[in-house]
Amino acid sequence: MGKKTTTFTFLSNMKFLMYSIAPEFCKAINLQLFSSDIYHFFNKLIKDTIQARETHGTVRPDMIHLLLEARKGKKVVDSPTEVIDTGFATVQESAIHTNSTKPIQEITDMDIAAQAMIFFFAGFDSVSVLMSFMGYELVLNPDIQKRLQEEIDDTLKQCNGKLTYEALLKMKYMDMVISETLRKWPAGIITDRVCSKSFTIEPANPGDDSVCLNPGDIILIPISAIQRDPEYFSNPDTFDPERFNDENKENIKPYTYMPFGLGPRNCIGSRFAILEAKTIFFSMLSKFNFAAIDKTQIPLKLSKKSFNLAGENGIWVGLEPRSK
C-alpha cells in the first residue's frame, strides 16, 4: 500500500499540479488525488485505532495521541530545551500558535485519518530518496566514502562497539555528507506558500518590472533550482560535503538551503528523517562498501515521469563486505 500511495503516474502528477493551481475548483469537482482503496485503507486503519484506544484507554506517545488530545481542547507543546538538533539540515520549529487563545476547530476521525495519510505519504518516499542518492554519490566518490567509514570506525571504538544517540549526533562528517546530499538531491524539488498580505517585490535590475503579490496568491519556490544555483553554491553539480564544514556552513546565504522547507510550514519530520538516514548508513558502512554494478547508471539520467527526483531506471548500487 505504501508503494502504491507514493507511485506517481503522469495523471497523478497532473492532479497534484491542478490542486496547486486551483484547489477550490478541484474540490468543487471532487477531484481525488488517490484511488478509493487507498482512502478506505487509511480511514479504516485510523478509525479502528481510535476506537481501540478509547475502548481500552490506551495511551501511546505518537501523532494520533496528539491529535486526540487536540480534539479534547488540549495542546501538547514540547519545551524548546527538550529538542536536540540532529543535523545542519534540521529546520527550527515555529513558535507561532503555541500560545494562541484561538478556539480549536472540531477535529473529526476523517481529519485524523487525513493527517495520518499525509504523514505516511511524506515520510515513506523522502527518506528512501535521500538514502538512494547518498548511496549513489558514495559510489561515485570513494574518497568521501572512505573518510566517512573512518569516522564510523572511530565512533564505534569510542562507544565500545555500541552506537549511542549522542555519539551519532557528534559525527560531523556524517552530517556534512547528509547535508550535501540534501542540497544536491532534495526530496522535495519545489514547495509553495499562500500570500497572506499584499506585498510588492521591487525590481532587482534596471528595466525590470515590480511584482505585486495579493492575499491568496500561490507562490512556488523551486528548492532544487535554488540549491543548484552557482550564485549561491559554487560548482553546484559537484558533490562536496566540505560546503558544510564548521567554517563554510556559516557562509551559506539564508534561504538558499531549505531541503525541508522554512518557516511555520516547514517539514515537521526533518529530525526523524535525518536520524533515520544516519542510523542506517552507520550500520551499512560499518560492514559494507558501496560499489558500482552493471545496472549502475553513470551519469545518472533522471526520470521525467516522477513527481520528485528519481532515476530513469531506478538507482542501482552494490554492497561489498568490508575487509578490515
C-alpha atoms as a PDB file:
ATOM      1  CA  MET A   1       0.000   0.000   0.000  1.00  0.00           C
ATOM      2  CA  GLY A   2       2.906   2.337   0.745  1.00  0.00           C
ATOM      3  CA  LYS A   3       4.390   1.792  -2.703  1.00  0.00           C
ATOM      4  CA  LYS A   4       1.003   2.310  -4.330  1.00  0.00           C
ATOM      5  CA  THR A   5       0.446   5.537  -2.404  1.00  0.00           C
ATOM      6  CA  THR A   6       3.785   7.037  -3.434  1.00  0.00           C
ATOM      7  CA  THR A   7       3.992   5.782  -7.034  1.00  0.00           C
ATOM      8  CA  PHE A   8       3.099   8.599  -9.415  1.00  0.00           C
ATOM      9  CA  THR A   9       1.902   8.455 -12.988  1.00  0.00           C
ATOM     10  CA  PHE A  10       1.521  11.297 -15.462  1.00  0.00           C
ATOM     11  CA  LEU A  11      -2.156  11.575 -14.471  1.00  0.00           C
ATOM     12  CA  SER A  12      -1.439  11.767 -10.739  1.00  0.00           C
ATOM     13  CA  ASN A  13       1.229  14.406 -11.370  1.00  0.00           C
ATOM     14  CA  MET A  14      -1.310  16.474 -13.286  1.00  0.00           C
ATOM     15  CA  LYS A  15      -3.773  16.144 -10.400  1.00  0.00           C
ATOM     16  CA  PHE A  16      -1.192  17.487  -7.959  1.00  0.00           C
ATOM     17  CA  LEU A  17      -0.465  20.360 -10.318  1.00  0.00           C
ATOM     18  CA  MET A  18      -4.171  21.160 -10.613  1.00  0.00           C
ATOM     19  CA  TYR A  19      -4.585  21.193  -6.831  1.00  0.00           C
ATOM     20  CA  SER A  20      -1.617  23.563  -6.559  1.00  0.00           C
ATOM     21  CA  ILE A  21      -3.034  25.957  -9.137  1.00  0.00           C
ATOM     22  CA  ALA A  22      -6.781  25.785  -8.418  1.00  0.00           C
ATOM     23  CA  PRO A  23      -7.532  23.948  -5.140  1.00  0.00           C
ATOM     24  CA  GLU A  24     -11.086  25.262  -4.765  1.00  0.00           C
ATOM     25  CA  PHE A  25     -12.007  24.202  -8.301  1.00  0.00           C
ATOM     26  CA  CYS A  26     -10.594  20.711  -7.702  1.00  0.00           C
ATOM     27  CA  LYS A  27     -12.630  20.391  -4.508  1.00  0.00           C
ATOM     28  CA  ALA A  28     -15.758  21.556  -6.326  1.00  0.00           C
ATOM     29  CA  ILE A  29     -15.442  18.828  -8.965  1.00  0.00           C
ATOM     30  CA  ASN A  30     -14.392  16.265  -6.306  1.00  0.00           C
ATOM     31  CA  LEU A  31     -11.057  15.523  -7.972  1.00  0.00           C
ATOM     32  CA  GLN A  32      -9.352  12.733  -5.991  1.00  0.00           C
ATOM     33  CA  LEU A  33      -5.579  12.595  -5.702  1.00  0.00           C
ATOM     34  CA  PHE A  34      -5.537   8.927  -4.705  1.00  0.00           C
ATOM     35  CA  SER A  35      -7.645   5.891  -5.548  1.00  0.00           C
ATOM     36  CA  SER A  36     -10.622   4.945  -3.372  1.00  0.00           C
ATOM     37  CA  ASP A  37      -8.937   1.845  -1.926  1.00  0.00           C
ATOM     38  CA  ILE A  38      -6.093   3.992  -0.546  1.00  0.00           C
ATOM     39  CA  TYR A  39      -8.571   6.360   1.109  1.00  0.00           C
ATOM     40  CA  HIS A  40     -10.521   3.407   2.510  1.00  0.00           C
ATOM     41  CA  PHE A  41      -7.365   1.738   3.867  1.00  0.00           C
ATOM     42  CA  PHE A  42      -6.208   4.760   5.869  1.00  0.00           C
ATOM     43  CA  ASN A  43      -9.702   5.724   7.003  1.00  0.00           C
ATOM     44  CA  LYS A  44     -10.423   2.227   8.354  1.00  0.00           C
ATOM     45  CA  LEU A  45      -6.978   1.897   9.934  1.00  0.00           C
ATOM     46  CA  ILE A  46      -7.310   5.147  11.878  1.00  0.00           C
ATOM     47  CA  LYS A  47     -10.937   4.609  12.892  1.00  0.00           C
ATOM     48  CA  ASP A  48     -10.148   1.132  14.238  1.00  0.00           C
ATOM     49  CA  THR A  49      -7.123   2.501  16.106  1.00  0.00           C
ATOM     50  CA  ILE A  50      -9.097   5.356  17.680  1.00  0.00           C
ATOM     51  CA  GLN A  51     -11.903   3.018  18.700  1.00  0.00           C
ATOM     52  CA  ALA A  52      -9.459   0.560  20.298  1.00  0.00           C
ATOM     53  CA  ARG A  53      -7.672   3.298  22.233  1.00  0.00           C
ATOM     54  CA  GLU A  54     -10.865   4.882  23.510  1.00  0.00           C
ATOM     55  CA  THR A  55     -12.300   1.485  24.477  1.00  0.00           C
ATOM     56  CA  HIS A  56      -9.225   0.257  26.356  1.00  0.00           C
ATOM     57  CA  GLY A  57      -7.838   3.622  27.470  1.00  0.00           C
ATOM     58  CA  THR A  58      -4.588   3.019  25.603  1.00  0.00           C
ATOM     59  CA  VAL A  59      -2.124   5.922  25.516  1.00  0.00           C
ATOM     60  CA  ARG A  60       0.874   5.936  23.186  1.00  0.00           C
ATOM     61  CA  PRO A  61       3.317   8.801  22.541  1.00  0.00           C
ATOM     62  CA  ASP A  62       2.512   9.245  18.860  1.00  0.00           C
ATOM     63  CA  MET A  63       0.831  11.553  16.390  1.00  0.00           C
ATOM     64  CA  ILE A  64      -2.617  10.002  16.812  1.00  0.00           C
ATOM     65  CA  HIS A  65      -2.495  10.638  20.569  1.00  0.00           C
ATOM     66  CA  LEU A  66      -1.567  14.294  19.979  1.00  0.00           C
ATOM     67  CA  LEU A  67      -4.492  14.760  17.599  1.00  0.00           C
ATOM     68  CA  LEU A  68      -6.888  13.054  20.019  1.00  0.00           C
ATOM     69  CA  GLU A  69      -5.669  15.391  22.766  1.00  0.00           C
ATOM     70  CA  ALA A  70      -6.156  18.362  20.437  1.00  0.00           C
ATOM     71  CA  ARG A  71      -9.709  17.193  19.776  1.00  0.00           C
ATOM     72  CA  LYS A  72     -10.329  17.441  23.521  1.00  0.00           C
ATOM     73  CA  GLY A  73      -9.055  21.018  23.507  1.00  0.00           C
ATOM     74  CA  LYS A  74      -5.613  20.213  24.917  1.00  0.00           C
ATOM     75  CA  LYS A  75      -2.364  21.458  23.441  1.00  0.00           C
ATOM     76  CA  VAL A  76       0.802  19.439  23.854  1.00  0.00           C
ATOM     77  CA  VAL A  77       3.879  21.564  23.106  1.00  0.00           C
ATOM     78  CA  ASP A  78       7.458  20.471  23.778  1.00  0.00           C
ATOM     79  CA  SER A  79       9.752  22.835  25.613  1.00  0.00           C
ATOM     80  CA  PRO A  80      12.484  24.189  23.291  1.00  0.00           C
ATOM     81  CA  THR A  81      15.099  22.871  25.724  1.00  0.00           C
ATOM     82  CA  GLU A  82      13.886  19.329  25.090  1.00  0.00           C
ATOM     83  CA  VAL A  83      14.612  19.463  21.362  1.00  0.00           C
ATOM     84  CA  ILE A  84      18.036  18.316  20.135  1.00  0.00           C
ATOM     85  CA  ASP A  85      19.078  19.113  16.574  1.00  0.00           C
ATOM     86  CA  THR A  86      20.121  16.055  14.602  1.00  0.00           C
ATOM     87  CA  GLY A  87      21.992  17.950  11.896  1.00  0.00           C
ATOM     88  CA  PHE A  88      22.588  21.140   9.924  1.00  0.00           C
ATOM     89  CA  ALA A  89      19.621  20.462   7.635  1.00  0.00           C
ATOM     90  CA  THR A  90      17.217  20.251  10.582  1.00  0.00           C
ATOM     91  CA  VAL A  91      14.610  23.008  10.489  1.00  0.00           C
ATOM     92  CA  GLN A  92      13.642  25.062  13.508  1.00  0.00           C
ATOM     93  CA  GLU A  93      10.059  24.617  14.674  1.00  0.00           C
ATOM     94  CA  SER A  94       7.954  27.761  14.637  1.00  0.00           C
ATOM     95  CA  ALA A  95       6.509  29.087  17.891  1.00  0.00           C
ATOM     96  CA  ILE A  96       3.508  30.532  16.040  1.00  0.00           C
ATOM     97  CA  HIS A  97       0.169  29.474  17.567  1.00  0.00           C
ATOM     98  CA  THR A  98       1.788  27.683  20.536  1.00  0.00           C
ATOM     99  CA  ASN A  99       0.287  30.263  22.902  1.00  0.00           C
ATOM    100  CA  SER A 100      -2.746  31.084  20.791  1.00  0.00           C
ATOM    101  CA  THR A 101      -6.092  31.530  22.528  1.00  0.00           C
ATOM    102  CA  LYS A 102      -7.995  30.971  19.289  1.00  0.00           C
ATOM    103  CA  PRO A 103     -10.638  28.230  19.677  1.00  0.00           C
ATOM    104  CA  ILE A 104      -9.621  24.875  18.222  1.00  0.00           C
ATOM    105  CA  GLN A 105     -11.756  23.753  15.304  1.00  0.00           C
ATOM    106  CA  GLU A 106     -13.588  20.462  15.569  1.00  0.00           C
ATOM    107  CA  ILE A 107     -11.331  17.548  14.637  1.00  0.00           C
ATOM    108  CA  THR A 108     -13.122  14.546  13.154  1.00  0.00           C
ATOM    109  CA  ASP A 109     -11.915  10.981  12.649  1.00  0.00           C
ATOM    110  CA  MET A 110     -11.643  11.806   8.958  1.00  0.00           C
ATOM    111  CA  ASP A 111      -9.346  14.760   9.769  1.00  0.00           C
ATOM    112  CA  ILE A 112      -7.085  12.488  11.830  1.00  0.00           C
ATOM    113  CA  ALA A 113      -7.059   9.891   9.031  1.00  0.00           C
ATOM    114  CA  ALA A 114      -6.129  12.608   6.542  1.00  0.00           C
ATOM    115  CA  GLN A 115      -3.231  13.740   8.748  1.00  0.00           C
ATOM    116  CA  ALA A 116      -2.028  10.154   9.135  1.00  0.00           C
ATOM    117  CA  MET A 117      -2.098   9.697   5.377  1.00  0.00           C
ATOM    118  CA  ILE A 118      -0.123  12.905   4.837  1.00  0.00           C
ATOM    119  CA  PHE A 119       2.479  11.874   7.416  1.00  0.00           C
ATOM    120  CA  PHE A 120       2.840   8.452   5.827  1.00  0.00           C
ATOM    121  CA  PHE A 121       2.989   9.907   2.333  1.00  0.00           C
ATOM    122  CA  ALA A 122       5.629  12.483   3.313  1.00  0.00           C
ATOM    123  CA  GLY A 123       7.829  10.063   5.236  1.00  0.00           C
ATOM    124  CA  PHE A 124       7.649   6.941   3.068  1.00  0.00           C
ATOM    125  CA  ASP A 125       9.366   8.325  -0.009  1.00  0.00           C
ATOM    126  CA  SER A 126      11.507  11.196   1.300  1.00  0.00           C
ATOM    127  CA  VAL A 127      13.948   9.106   3.363  1.00  0.00           C
ATOM    128  CA  SER A 128      14.316   6.496   0.608  1.00  0.00           C
ATOM    129  CA  VAL A 129      15.152   9.285  -1.874  1.00  0.00           C
ATOM    130  CA  LEU A 130      17.819  10.642   0.477  1.00  0.00           C
ATOM    131  CA  MET A 131      19.368   7.217   1.052  1.00  0.00           C
ATOM    132  CA  SER A 132      19.274   6.242  -2.641  1.00  0.00           C
ATOM    133  CA  PHE A 133      21.098   9.353  -3.809  1.00  0.00           C
ATOM    134  CA  MET A 134      23.559   9.291  -0.914  1.00  0.00           C
ATOM    135  CA  GLY A 135      24.469   5.692  -1.725  1.00  0.00           C
ATOM    136  CA  TYR A 136      24.899   6.662  -5.379  1.00  0.00           C
ATOM    137  CA  GLU A 137      27.175   9.596  -4.514  1.00  0.00           C
ATOM    138  CA  LEU A 138      29.317   7.384  -2.272  1.00  0.00           C
ATOM    139  CA  VAL A 139      29.834   5.049  -5.243  1.00  0.00           C
ATOM    140  CA  LEU A 140      30.975   7.971  -7.406  1.00  0.00           C
ATOM    141  CA  ASN A 141      33.156   9.431  -4.640  1.00  0.00           C
ATOM    142  CA  PRO A 142      35.100   6.583  -2.961  1.00  0.00           C
ATOM    143  CA  ASP A 143      37.359   9.070  -1.147  1.00  0.00           C
ATOM    144  CA  ILE A 144      34.312  10.534   0.606  1.00  0.00           C
ATOM    145  CA  GLN A 145      33.051   7.039   1.403  1.00  0.00           C
ATOM    146  CA  LYS A 146      36.425   6.073   2.891  1.00  0.00           C
ATOM    147  CA  ARG A 147      36.575   9.171   5.097  1.00  0.00           C
ATOM    148  CA  LEU A 148      33.021   8.557   6.307  1.00  0.00           C
ATOM    149  CA  GLN A 149      33.868   4.949   7.147  1.00  0.00           C
ATOM    150  CA  GLU A 150      36.913   6.106   9.108  1.00  0.00           C
ATOM    151  CA  GLU A 151      34.667   8.361  11.187  1.00  0.00           C
ATOM    152  CA  ILE A 152      32.251   5.459  11.713  1.00  0.00           C
ATOM    153  CA  ASP A 153      35.082   3.159  12.831  1.00  0.00           C
ATOM    154  CA  ASP A 154      36.397   5.784  15.269  1.00  0.00           C
ATOM    155  CA  THR A 155      32.911   6.326  16.692  1.00  0.00           C
ATOM    156  CA  LEU A 156      32.416   2.592  17.195  1.00  0.00           C
ATOM    157  CA  LYS A 157      35.686   2.386  19.128  1.00  0.00           C
ATOM    158  CA  GLN A 158      34.659   5.279  21.354  1.00  0.00           C
ATOM    159  CA  CYS A 159      31.305   3.578  22.026  1.00  0.00           C
ATOM    160  CA  ASN A 160      32.870   0.161  22.645  1.00  0.00           C
ATOM    161  CA  GLY A 161      31.045  -1.242  19.631  1.00  0.00           C
ATOM    162  CA  LYS A 162      27.577   0.018  20.617  1.00  0.00           C
ATOM    163  CA  LEU A 163      26.342   3.176  18.906  1.00  0.00           C
ATOM    164  CA  THR A 164      24.589   5.739  21.108  1.00  0.00           C
ATOM    165  CA  TYR A 165      22.262   8.578  20.164  1.00  0.00           C
ATOM    166  CA  GLU A 166      24.689  11.189  21.486  1.00  0.00           C
ATOM    167  CA  ALA A 167      27.635   9.680  19.596  1.00  0.00           C
ATOM    168  CA  LEU A 168      25.700   9.692  16.321  1.00  0.00           C
ATOM    169  CA  LEU A 169      24.903  13.388  16.696  1.00  0.00           C
ATOM    170  CA  LYS A 170      28.591  14.209  17.248  1.00  0.00           C
ATOM    171  CA  MET A 171      29.596  12.746  13.867  1.00  0.00           C
ATOM    172  CA  LYS A 172      30.458  15.895  11.907  1.00  0.00           C
ATOM    173  CA  TYR A 173      31.431  14.305   8.600  1.00  0.00           C
ATOM    174  CA  MET A 174      28.314  12.130   8.548  1.00  0.00           C
ATOM    175  CA  ASP A 175      26.246  15.295   8.912  1.00  0.00           C
ATOM    176  CA  MET A 176      28.250  17.033   6.182  1.00  0.00           C
ATOM    177  CA  VAL A 177      27.598  14.178   3.724  1.00  0.00           C
ATOM    178  CA  ILE A 178      23.887  14.063   4.605  1.00  0.00           C
ATOM    179  CA  SER A 179      23.602  17.855   4.235  1.00  0.00           C
ATOM    180  CA  GLU A 180      25.319  17.863   0.833  1.00  0.00           C
ATOM    181  CA  THR A 181      23.112  15.015  -0.390  1.00  0.00           C
ATOM    182  CA  LEU A 182      20.036  17.025   0.602  1.00  0.00           C
ATOM    183  CA  ARG A 183      21.426  20.059  -1.223  1.00  0.00           C
ATOM    184  CA  LYS A 184      22.151  18.302  -4.489  1.00  0.00           C
ATOM    185  CA  TRP A 185      19.229  15.866  -4.348  1.00  0.00           C
ATOM    186  CA  PRO A 186      16.404  17.337  -2.204  1.00  0.00           C
ATOM    187  CA  ALA A 187      13.450  15.009  -1.633  1.00  0.00           C
ATOM    188  CA  GLY A 188      11.086  17.862  -2.457  1.00  0.00           C
ATOM    189  CA  ILE A 189      12.161  19.823  -5.523  1.00  0.00           C
ATOM    190  CA  ILE A 190       9.527  22.518  -5.080  1.00  0.00           C
ATOM    191  CA  THR A 191       7.261  23.896  -2.379  1.00  0.00           C
ATOM    192  CA  ASP A 192       4.583  26.559  -2.241  1.00  0.00           C
ATOM    193  CA  ARG A 193       3.195  29.210   0.075  1.00  0.00           C
ATOM    194  CA  VAL A 194      -0.024  31.233   0.061  1.00  0.00           C
ATOM    195  CA  CYS A 195       0.380  35.005   0.268  1.00  0.00           C
ATOM    196  CA  SER A 196      -1.332  36.348   3.412  1.00  0.00           C
ATOM    197  CA  LYS A 197      -0.987  40.089   2.785  1.00  0.00           C
ATOM    198  CA  SER A 198      -0.206  42.469  -0.067  1.00  0.00           C
ATOM    199  CA  PHE A 199       3.465  42.791  -0.898  1.00  0.00           C
ATOM    200  CA  THR A 200       5.477  44.316  -3.728  1.00  0.00           C
ATOM    201  CA  ILE A 201       8.801  42.888  -4.884  1.00  0.00           C
ATOM    202  CA  GLU A 202      10.847  45.768  -6.217  1.00  0.00           C
ATOM    203  CA  PRO A 203      12.849  45.219  -9.434  1.00  0.00           C
ATOM    204  CA  ALA A 204      16.357  43.884  -8.853  1.00  0.00           C
ATOM    205  CA  ASN A 205      17.764  45.292 -12.105  1.00  0.00           C
ATOM    206  CA  PRO A 206      17.145  48.477 -14.114  1.00  0.00           C
ATOM    207  CA  GLY A 207      14.361  47.997 -16.622  1.00  0.00           C
ATOM    208  CA  ASP A 208      12.717  45.143 -14.709  1.00  0.00           C
ATOM    209  CA  ASP A 209       9.116  45.397 -13.545  1.00  0.00           C
ATOM    210  CA  SER A 210       7.999  45.157  -9.944  1.00  0.00           C
ATOM    211  CA  VAL A 211       5.883  42.167  -8.911  1.00  0.00           C
ATOM    212  CA  CYS A 212       2.753  42.726  -6.824  1.00  0.00           C
ATOM    213  CA  LEU A 213       1.510  39.887  -4.632  1.00  0.00           C
ATOM    214  CA  ASN A 214      -2.031  39.824  -3.296  1.00  0.00           C
ATOM    215  CA  PRO A 215      -3.617  37.789  -0.483  1.00  0.00           C
ATOM    216  CA  GLY A 216      -4.460  34.321  -1.764  1.00  0.00           C
ATOM    217  CA  ASP A 217      -1.758  34.251  -4.441  1.00  0.00           C
ATOM    218  CA  ILE A 218       0.195  30.978  -4.545  1.00  0.00           C
ATOM    219  CA  ILE A 219       3.977  31.348  -4.590  1.00  0.00           C
ATOM    220  CA  LEU A 220       6.027  28.441  -5.962  1.00  0.00           C
ATOM    221  CA  ILE A 221       9.544  28.097  -4.524  1.00  0.00           C
ATOM    222  CA  PRO A 222      11.957  25.995  -6.655  1.00  0.00           C
ATOM    223  CA  ILE A 223      14.055  24.380  -3.910  1.00  0.00           C
ATOM    224  CA  SER A 224      16.189  22.269  -6.239  1.00  0.00           C
ATOM    225  CA  ALA A 225      16.931  25.169  -8.608  1.00  0.00           C
ATOM    226  CA  ILE A 226      17.945  27.477  -5.749  1.00  0.00           C
ATOM    227  CA  GLN A 227      20.210  24.867  -4.177  1.00  0.00           C
ATOM    228  CA  ARG A 228      21.927  24.312  -7.539  1.00  0.00           C
ATOM    229  CA  ASP A 229      22.303  27.991  -8.355  1.00  0.00           C
ATOM    230  CA  PRO A 230      26.018  28.789  -8.873  1.00  0.00           C
ATOM    231  CA  GLU A 231      25.378  32.231  -7.384  1.00  0.00           C
ATOM    232  CA  TYR A 232      24.855  30.560  -4.001  1.00  0.00           C
ATOM    233  CA  PHE A 233      26.833  27.308  -4.320  1.00  0.00           C
ATOM    234  CA  SER A 234      29.993  27.219  -6.435  1.00  0.00           C
ATOM    235  CA  ASN A 235      30.276  24.223  -8.767  1.00  0.00           C
ATOM    236  CA  PRO A 236      26.745  23.161  -7.766  1.00  0.00           C
ATOM    237  CA  ASP A 237      26.832  19.860  -9.672  1.00  0.00           C
ATOM    238  CA  THR A 238      29.904  18.713  -7.735  1.00  0.00           C
ATOM    239  CA  PHE A 239      29.235  16.611  -4.641  1.00  0.00           C
ATOM    240  CA  ASP A 240      31.272  18.411  -1.981  1.00  0.00           C
ATOM    241  CA  PRO A 241      30.486  17.814   1.720  1.00  0.00           C
ATOM    242  CA  GLU A 242      33.070  20.470   2.649  1.00  0.00           C
ATOM    243  CA  ARG A 243      30.408  23.083   1.896  1.00  0.00           C
ATOM    244  CA  PHE A 244      29.026  22.155   5.302  1.00  0.00           C
ATOM    245  CA  ASN A 245      32.153  22.080   7.441  1.00  0.00           C
ATOM    246  CA  ASP A 246      32.284  24.342  10.502  1.00  0.00           C
ATOM    247  CA  GLU A 247      33.780  27.240   8.567  1.00  0.00           C
ATOM    248  CA  ASN A 248      31.881  27.110   5.275  1.00  0.00           C
ATOM    249  CA  LYS A 249      28.370  26.416   6.557  1.00  0.00           C
ATOM    250  CA  GLU A 250      28.362  29.764   8.338  1.00  0.00           C
ATOM    251  CA  ASN A 251      28.762  31.472   4.947  1.00  0.00           C
ATOM    252  CA  ILE A 252      25.681  29.881   3.360  1.00  0.00           C
ATOM    253  CA  LYS A 253      23.263  32.657   2.471  1.00  0.00           C
ATOM    254  CA  PRO A 254      19.957  32.439   4.398  1.00  0.00           C
ATOM    255  CA  TYR A 255      17.018  30.959   2.472  1.00  0.00           C
ATOM    256  CA  THR A 256      19.237  29.338  -0.173  1.00  0.00           C
ATOM    257  CA  TYR A 257      19.376  25.968   1.617  1.00  0.00           C
ATOM    258  CA  MET A 258      15.979  24.538   2.505  1.00  0.00           C
ATOM    259  CA  PRO A 259      15.681  20.779   1.839  1.00  0.00           C
ATOM    260  CA  PHE A 260      12.887  20.572   4.422  1.00  0.00           C
ATOM    261  CA  GLY A 261      11.358  23.972   3.746  1.00  0.00           C
ATOM    262  CA  LEU A 262      11.442  27.008   6.023  1.00  0.00           C
ATOM    263  CA  GLY A 263       9.132  28.960   8.297  1.00  0.00           C
ATOM    264  CA  PRO A 264       5.925  27.869  10.067  1.00  0.00           C
ATOM    265  CA  ARG A 265       5.060  25.385   7.295  1.00  0.00           C
ATOM    266  CA  ASN A 266       8.356  23.510   7.252  1.00  0.00           C
ATOM    267  CA  CYS A 267       8.627  19.729   7.395  1.00  0.00           C
ATOM    268  CA  ILE A 268       7.989  18.623  10.980  1.00  0.00           C
ATOM    269  CA  GLY A 269       9.728  15.306  10.335  1.00  0.00           C
ATOM    270  CA  SER A 270      13.194  16.643   9.472  1.00  0.00           C
ATOM    271  CA  ARG A 271      14.821  15.405  12.691  1.00  0.00           C
ATOM    272  CA  PHE A 272      13.383  11.926  12.328  1.00  0.00           C
ATOM    273  CA  ALA A 273      14.319  11.687   8.630  1.00  0.00           C
ATOM    274  CA  ILE A 274      17.932  12.733   9.228  1.00  0.00           C
ATOM    275  CA  LEU A 275      18.310  10.497  12.278  1.00  0.00           C
ATOM    276  CA  GLU A 276      16.881   7.530  10.357  1.00  0.00           C
ATOM    277  CA  ALA A 277      19.248   8.039   7.418  1.00  0.00           C
ATOM    278  CA  LYS A 278      22.286   8.485   9.681  1.00  0.00           C
ATOM    279  CA  THR A 279      21.494   5.333  11.647  1.00  0.00           C
ATOM    280  CA  ILE A 280      21.010   3.199   8.536  1.00  0.00           C
ATOM    281  CA  PHE A 281      24.174   4.424   6.804  1.00  0.00           C
ATOM    282  CA  PHE A 282      26.167   3.993  10.008  1.00  0.00           C
ATOM    283  CA  SER A 283      25.090   0.365  10.168  1.00  0.00           C
ATOM    284  CA  MET A 284      25.678  -0.379   6.479  1.00  0.00           C
ATOM    285  CA  LEU A 285      29.003   1.428   6.082  1.00  0.00           C
ATOM    286  CA  SER A 286      30.416  -0.211   9.192  1.00  0.00           C
ATOM    287  CA  LYS A 287      30.089  -3.562   7.405  1.00  0.00           C
ATOM    288  CA  PHE A 288      29.962  -2.853   3.657  1.00  0.00           C
ATOM    289  CA  ASN A 289      31.355  -0.707   0.855  1.00  0.00           C
ATOM    290  CA  PHE A 290      29.014   0.839  -1.697  1.00  0.00           C
ATOM    291  CA  ALA A 291      30.169  -0.142  -5.191  1.00  0.00           C
ATOM    292  CA  ALA A 292      29.062   0.180  -8.805  1.00  0.00           C
ATOM    293  CA  ILE A 293      27.372  -2.775 -10.508  1.00  0.00           C
ATOM    294  CA  ASP A 294      26.290  -3.452 -14.091  1.00  0.00           C
ATOM    295  CA  LYS A 295      22.972  -1.655 -13.527  1.00  0.00           C
ATOM    296  CA  THR A 296      24.580   1.452 -12.025  1.00  0.00           C
ATOM    297  CA  GLN A 297      23.915   4.291 -14.468  1.00  0.00           C
ATOM    298  CA  ILE A 298      26.807   6.766 -14.791  1.00  0.00           C
ATOM    299  CA  PRO A 299      25.996   9.554 -15.382  1.00  0.00           C
ATOM    300  CA  LEU A 300      22.553   9.243 -13.837  1.00  0.00           C
ATOM    301  CA  LYS A 301      19.553  10.094 -16.006  1.00  0.00           C
ATOM    302  CA  LEU A 302      16.579  11.463 -14.094  1.00  0.00           C
ATOM    303  CA  SER A 303      13.052  10.238 -14.694  1.00  0.00           C
ATOM    304  CA  LYS A 304      10.698  12.634 -16.468  1.00  0.00           C
ATOM    305  CA  LYS A 305       7.648  10.857 -15.038  1.00  0.00           C
ATOM    306  CA  SER A 306       8.383  11.076 -11.325  1.00  0.00           C
ATOM    307  CA  PHE A 307       6.907  13.810  -9.121  1.00  0.00           C
ATOM    308  CA  ASN A 308      10.209  14.000  -7.230  1.00  0.00           C
ATOM    309  CA  LEU A 309      13.820  13.283  -8.134  1.00  0.00           C
ATOM    310  CA  ALA A 310      14.279   9.673  -9.241  1.00  0.00           C
ATOM    311  CA  GLY A 311      16.485   7.705 -11.597  1.00  0.00           C
ATOM    312  CA  GLU A 312      15.115   6.922 -15.042  1.00  0.00           C
ATOM    313  CA  ASN A 313      15.629   3.209 -14.376  1.00  0.00           C
ATOM    314  CA  GLY A 314      15.933   3.429 -10.616  1.00  0.00           C
ATOM    315  CA  ILE A 315      19.156   3.897  -8.672  1.00  0.00           C
ATOM    316  CA  TRP A 316      21.263   0.743  -8.530  1.00  0.00           C
ATOM    317  CA  VAL A 317      24.336   0.228  -6.352  1.00  0.00           C
ATOM    318  CA  GLY A 318      26.034  -2.836  -4.910  1.00  0.00           C
ATOM    319  CA  LEU A 319      27.290  -3.755  -1.439  1.00  0.00           C
ATOM    320  CA  GLU A 320      30.650  -5.416  -0.859  1.00  0.00           C
ATOM    321  CA  PRO A 321      31.763  -6.769   2.536  1.00  0.00           C
ATOM    322  CA  ARG A 322      34.496  -4.617   4.047  1.00  0.00           C
ATOM    323  CA  SER A 323      37.893  -6.168   4.675  1.00  0.00           C
ATOM    324  CA  LYS A 324      39.214  -4.793   7.951  1.00  0.00           C
END
